């Protein structure tokens, strides 16, 4: 699993094995996380708040 974070467009692309990338663009979307971290809920707006704040 990998994330590609675009700070200019405030978009996160999530890459999972053998799947098409998922695109997260809305500030209230809950991001996909690895299987070992399923209890972790990261919201796109929170991530950009930390990165750009």
PDB file of N, CA and C in Angstrom:
ATOM      1  N   UNK A   1       0.842  -1.165   0.000  1.00  0.00           N
ATOM      2  CA  UNK A   1       0.000   0.000   0.000  1.00  0.00           C
ATOM      3  C   UNK A   1       0.892   1.233   0.000  1.00  0.00           C
ATOM      4  N   UNK A   2       0.482   2.233  -0.751  1.00  0.00           N
ATOM      5  CA  UNK A   2       1.223   3.480  -0.776  1.00  0.00           C
ATOM      6  C   UNK A   2       0.300   4.660  -0.990  1.00  0.00           C
ATOM      7  N   UNK A   3       0.731   5.779  -0.486  1.00  0.00           N
ATOM      8  CA  UNK A   3       0.000   7.038  -0.683  1.00  0.00           C
ATOM      9  C   UNK A   3       0.857   7.964  -1.529  1.00  0.00           C
ATOM     10  N   UNK A   4       0.227   8.644  -2.450  1.00  0.00           N
ATOM     11  CA  UNK A   4       0.865   9.732  -3.179  1.00  0.00           C
ATOM     12  C   UNK A   4       0.101  10.986  -2.788  1.00  0.00           C
ATOM     13  N   UNK A   5       0.780  11.897  -2.111  1.00  0.00           N
ATOM     14  CA  UNK A   5       0.131  13.102  -1.582  1.00  0.00           C
ATOM     15  C   UNK A   5       0.473  14.284  -2.468  1.00  0.00           C
ATOM     16  N   UNK A   6      -0.562  14.945  -2.988  1.00  0.00           N
ATOM     17  CA  UNK A   6      -0.388  16.139  -3.808  1.00  0.00           C
ATOM     18  C   UNK A   6      -0.823  17.348  -2.979  1.00  0.00           C
ATOM     19  N   UNK A   7       0.120  18.079  -2.390  1.00  0.00           N
ATOM     20  CA  UNK A   7      -0.250  19.194  -1.518  1.00  0.00           C
ATOM     21  C   UNK A   7      -0.876  20.369  -2.260  1.00  0.00           C
ATOM     22  N   UNK A   8      -0.560  20.520  -3.544  1.00  0.00           N
ATOM     23  CA  UNK A   8      -1.105  21.657  -4.296  1.00  0.00           C
ATOM     24  C   UNK A   8      -2.576  21.456  -4.610  1.00  0.00           C
ATOM     25  N   UNK A   9      -2.964  20.242  -4.952  1.00  0.00           N
ATOM     26  CA  UNK A   9      -4.368  19.931  -5.251  1.00  0.00           C
ATOM     27  C   UNK A   9      -5.104  19.424  -4.020  1.00  0.00           C
ATOM     28  N   UNK A  10      -4.373  19.202  -2.925  1.00  0.00           N
ATOM     29  CA  UNK A  10      -4.898  18.618  -1.687  1.00  0.00           C
ATOM     30  C   UNK A  10      -5.679  17.340  -1.991  1.00  0.00           C
ATOM     31  N   UNK A  11      -4.968  16.438  -2.660  1.00  0.00           N
ATOM     32  CA  UNK A  11      -5.502  15.153  -3.080  1.00  0.00           C
ATOM     33  C   UNK A  11      -4.534  14.068  -2.635  1.00  0.00           C
ATOM     34  N   UNK A  12      -5.074  12.921  -2.250  1.00  0.00           N
ATOM     35  CA  UNK A  12      -4.248  11.770  -1.914  1.00  0.00           C
ATOM     36  C   UNK A  12      -4.694  10.597  -2.778  1.00  0.00           C
ATOM     37  N   UNK A  13      -3.727   9.994  -3.454  1.00  0.00           N
ATOM     38  CA  UNK A  13      -3.965   8.786  -4.240  1.00  0.00           C
ATOM     39  C   UNK A  13      -3.492   7.611  -3.396  1.00  0.00           C
ATOM     40  N   UNK A  14      -4.340   6.606  -3.244  1.00  0.00           N
ATOM     41  CA  UNK A  14      -3.986   5.418  -2.475  1.00  0.00           C
ATOM     42  C   UNK A  14      -3.819   4.260  -3.447  1.00  0.00           C
ATOM     43  N   UNK A  15      -2.649   3.633  -3.392  1.00  0.00           N
ATOM     44  CA  UNK A  15      -2.323   2.518  -4.271  1.00  0.00           C
ATOM     45  C   UNK A  15      -2.311   1.223  -3.460  1.00  0.00           C
ATOM     46  N   UNK A  16      -3.153   0.279  -3.864  1.00  0.00           N
ATOM     47  CA  UNK A  16      -3.221  -1.042  -3.250  1.00  0.00           C
ATOM     48  C   UNK A  16      -2.817  -2.073  -4.291  1.00  0.00           C
ATOM     49  N   UNK A  17      -2.210  -3.186  -3.865  1.00  0.00           N
ATOM     50  CA  UNK A  17      -1.783  -4.201  -4.830  1.00  0.00           C
ATOM     51  C   UNK A  17      -2.940  -4.715  -5.687  1.00  0.00           C
ATOM     52  N   UNK A  18      -2.694  -4.842  -6.963  1.00  0.00           N
ATOM     53  CA  UNK A  18      -3.648  -5.423  -7.923  1.00  0.00           C
ATOM     54  C   UNK A  18      -4.985  -4.685  -7.992  1.00  0.00           C
ATOM     55  N   UNK A  19      -4.979  -3.390  -7.709  1.00  0.00           N
ATOM     56  CA  UNK A  19      -6.200  -2.586  -7.782  1.00  0.00           C
ATOM     57  C   UNK A  19      -5.884  -1.255  -8.445  1.00  0.00           C
ATOM     58  N   UNK A  20      -6.923  -0.634  -8.960  1.00  0.00           N
ATOM     59  CA  UNK A  20      -6.783   0.722  -9.478  1.00  0.00           C
ATOM     60  C   UNK A  20      -6.583   1.679  -8.301  1.00  0.00           C
ATOM     61  N   UNK A  21      -5.843   2.761  -8.502  1.00  0.00           N
ATOM     62  CA  UNK A  21      -5.662   3.733  -7.409  1.00  0.00           C
ATOM     63  C   UNK A  21      -6.999   4.344  -6.997  1.00  0.00           C
ATOM     64  N   UNK A  22      -7.122   4.609  -5.712  1.00  0.00           N
ATOM     65  CA  UNK A  22      -8.280   5.330  -5.190  1.00  0.00           C
ATOM     66  C   UNK A  22      -7.873   6.788  -5.039  1.00  0.00           C
ATOM     67  N   UNK A  23      -8.782   7.702  -5.361  1.00  0.00           N
ATOM     68  CA  UNK A  23      -8.500   9.129  -5.272  1.00  0.00           C
ATOM     69  C   UNK A  23      -9.358   9.718  -4.160  1.00  0.00           C
ATOM     70  N   UNK A  24      -8.708  10.412  -3.236  1.00  0.00           N
ATOM     71  CA  UNK A  24      -9.394  11.072  -2.135  1.00  0.00           C
ATOM     72  C   UNK A  24      -9.213  12.573  -2.313  1.00  0.00           C
ATOM     73  N   UNK A  25     -10.340  13.280  -2.489  1.00  0.00           N
ATOM     74  CA  UNK A  25     -10.304  14.717  -2.784  1.00  0.00           C
ATOM     75  C   UNK A  25     -11.145  15.544  -1.821  1.00  0.00           C
ATOM     76  N   UNK A  26     -12.072  14.926  -1.135  1.00  0.00           N
ATOM     77  CA  UNK A  26     -12.991  15.649  -0.249  1.00  0.00           C
ATOM     78  C   UNK A  26     -12.406  15.701   1.156  1.00  0.00           C
ATOM     79  N   UNK A  27     -12.485  16.862   1.805  1.00  0.00           N
ATOM     80  CA  UNK A  27     -11.852  17.041   3.112  1.00  0.00           C
ATOM     81  C   UNK A  27     -12.422  16.139   4.196  1.00  0.00           C
ATOM     82  N   UNK A  28     -13.640  15.623   4.012  1.00  0.00           N
ATOM     83  CA  UNK A  28     -14.247  14.775   5.047  1.00  0.00           C
ATOM     84  C   UNK A  28     -14.119  13.283   4.752  1.00  0.00           C
ATOM     85  N   UNK A  29     -13.376  12.905   3.706  1.00  0.00           N
ATOM     86  CA  UNK A  29     -13.210  11.491   3.361  1.00  0.00           C
ATOM     87  C   UNK A  29     -12.244  10.807   4.320  1.00  0.00           C
ATOM     88  N   UNK A  30     -12.587   9.578   4.718  1.00  0.00           N
ATOM     89  CA  UNK A  30     -11.716   8.765   5.548  1.00  0.00           C
ATOM     90  C   UNK A  30     -10.784   7.990   4.614  1.00  0.00           C
ATOM     91  N   UNK A  31      -9.490   8.118   4.864  1.00  0.00           N
ATOM     92  CA  UNK A  31      -8.492   7.505   3.994  1.00  0.00           C
ATOM     93  C   UNK A  31      -8.355   6.014   4.247  1.00  0.00           C
ATOM     94  N   UNK A  32      -8.008   5.292   3.200  1.00  0.00           N
ATOM     95  CA  UNK A  32      -7.693   3.881   3.325  1.00  0.00           C
ATOM     96  C   UNK A  32      -6.360   3.752   4.058  1.00  0.00           C
ATOM     97  N   UNK A  33      -6.279   2.771   4.961  1.00  0.00           N
ATOM     98  CA  UNK A  33      -5.064   2.521   5.739  1.00  0.00           C
ATOM     99  C   UNK A  33      -4.695   1.046   5.606  1.00  0.00           C
ATOM    100  N   UNK A  34      -3.460   0.680   5.955  1.00  0.00           N
ATOM    101  CA  UNK A  34      -3.070  -0.732   5.887  1.00  0.00           C
ATOM    102  C   UNK A  34      -3.911  -1.596   6.832  1.00  0.00           C
ATOM    103  N   UNK A  35      -3.971  -2.877   6.550  1.00  0.00           N
ATOM    104  CA  UNK A  35      -4.788  -3.812   7.331  1.00  0.00           C
ATOM    105  C   UNK A  35      -4.427  -3.809   8.814  1.00  0.00           C
ATOM    106  N   UNK A  36      -3.158  -3.605   9.141  1.00  0.00           N
ATOM    107  CA  UNK A  36      -2.760  -3.629  10.551  1.00  0.00           C
ATOM    108  C   UNK A  36      -3.202  -2.373  11.315  1.00  0.00           C
ATOM    109  N   UNK A  37      -3.696  -1.364  10.607  1.00  0.00           N
ATOM    110  CA  UNK A  37      -4.074  -0.101  11.241  1.00  0.00           C
ATOM    111  C   UNK A  37      -5.552   0.232  11.039  1.00  0.00           C
ATOM    112  N   UNK A  38      -6.396  -0.799  10.984  1.00  0.00           N
ATOM    113  CA  UNK A  38      -7.803  -0.565  10.664  1.00  0.00           C
ATOM    114  C   UNK A  38      -8.531   0.289  11.698  1.00  0.00           C
ATOM    115  N   UNK A  39      -8.031   0.343  12.922  1.00  0.00           N
ATOM    116  CA  UNK A  39      -8.671   1.180  13.938  1.00  0.00           C
ATOM    117  C   UNK A  39      -8.302   2.655  13.785  1.00  0.00           C
ATOM    118  N   UNK A  40      -7.309   2.933  12.993  1.00  0.00           N
ATOM    119  CA  UNK A  40      -6.874   4.308  12.739  1.00  0.00           C
ATOM    120  C   UNK A  40      -7.778   4.933  11.686  1.00  0.00           C
ATOM    121  N   UNK A  41      -8.372   6.059  12.005  1.00  0.00           N
ATOM    122  CA  UNK A  41      -9.187   6.770  11.024  1.00  0.00           C
ATOM    123  C   UNK A  41      -8.545   8.120  10.739  1.00  0.00           C
ATOM    124  N   UNK A  42      -8.014   8.233   9.552  1.00  0.00           N
ATOM    125  CA  UNK A  42      -7.427   9.499   9.108  1.00  0.00           C
ATOM    126  C   UNK A  42      -8.365  10.142   8.107  1.00  0.00           C
ATOM    127  N   UNK A  43      -8.638  11.397   8.320  1.00  0.00           N
ATOM    128  CA  UNK A  43      -9.507  12.157   7.427  1.00  0.00           C
ATOM    129  C   UNK A  43      -8.622  13.065   6.584  1.00  0.00           C
ATOM    130  N   UNK A  44      -8.922  13.134   5.307  1.00  0.00           N
ATOM    131  CA  UNK A  44      -8.108  13.897   4.373  1.00  0.00           C
ATOM    132  C   UNK A  44      -7.833  15.312   4.886  1.00  0.00           C
ATOM    133  N   UNK A  45      -8.834  15.992   5.373  1.00  0.00           N
ATOM    134  CA  UNK A  45      -8.650  17.358   5.885  1.00  0.00           C
ATOM    135  C   UNK A  45      -7.683  17.414   7.048  1.00  0.00           C
ATOM    136  N   UNK A  46      -7.692  16.398   7.914  1.00  0.00           N
ATOM    137  CA  UNK A  46      -6.755  16.339   9.038  1.00  0.00           C
ATOM    138  C   UNK A  46      -5.320  16.215   8.536  1.00  0.00           C
ATOM    139  N   UNK A  47      -5.109  15.351   7.579  1.00  0.00           N
ATOM    140  CA  UNK A  47      -3.766  15.130   7.051  1.00  0.00           C
ATOM    141  C   UNK A  47      -3.194  16.425   6.475  1.00  0.00           C
ATOM    142  N   UNK A  48      -3.981  17.129   5.688  1.00  0.00           N
ATOM    143  CA  UNK A  48      -3.483  18.375   5.106  1.00  0.00           C
ATOM    144  C   UNK A  48      -3.370  19.477   6.149  1.00  0.00           C
ATOM    145  N   UNK A  49      -4.178  19.423   7.190  1.00  0.00           N
ATOM    146  CA  UNK A  49      -4.023  20.366   8.291  1.00  0.00           C
ATOM    147  C   UNK A  49      -2.676  20.197   8.966  1.00  0.00           C
ATOM    148  N   UNK A  50      -2.246  18.937   9.160  1.00  0.00           N
ATOM    149  CA  UNK A  50      -0.928  18.667   9.755  1.00  0.00           C
ATOM    150  C   UNK A  50       0.194  19.076   8.821  1.00  0.00           C
ATOM    151  N   UNK A  51       0.053  18.751   7.538  1.00  0.00           N
ATOM    152  CA  UNK A  51       1.133  19.003   6.591  1.00  0.00           C
ATOM    153  C   UNK A  51       1.290  20.471   6.235  1.00  0.00           C
ATOM    154  N   UNK A  52       0.191  21.166   6.105  1.00  0.00           N
ATOM    155  CA  UNK A  52       0.249  22.546   5.624  1.00  0.00           C
ATOM    156  C   UNK A  52       0.026  23.570   6.730  1.00  0.00           C
ATOM    157  N   UNK A  53      -0.256  23.091   7.929  1.00  0.00           N
ATOM    158  CA  UNK A  53      -0.575  23.981   9.062  1.00  0.00           C
ATOM    159  C   UNK A  53       0.544  24.691   9.648  1.00  0.00           C
TER     160      UNK A  53
END
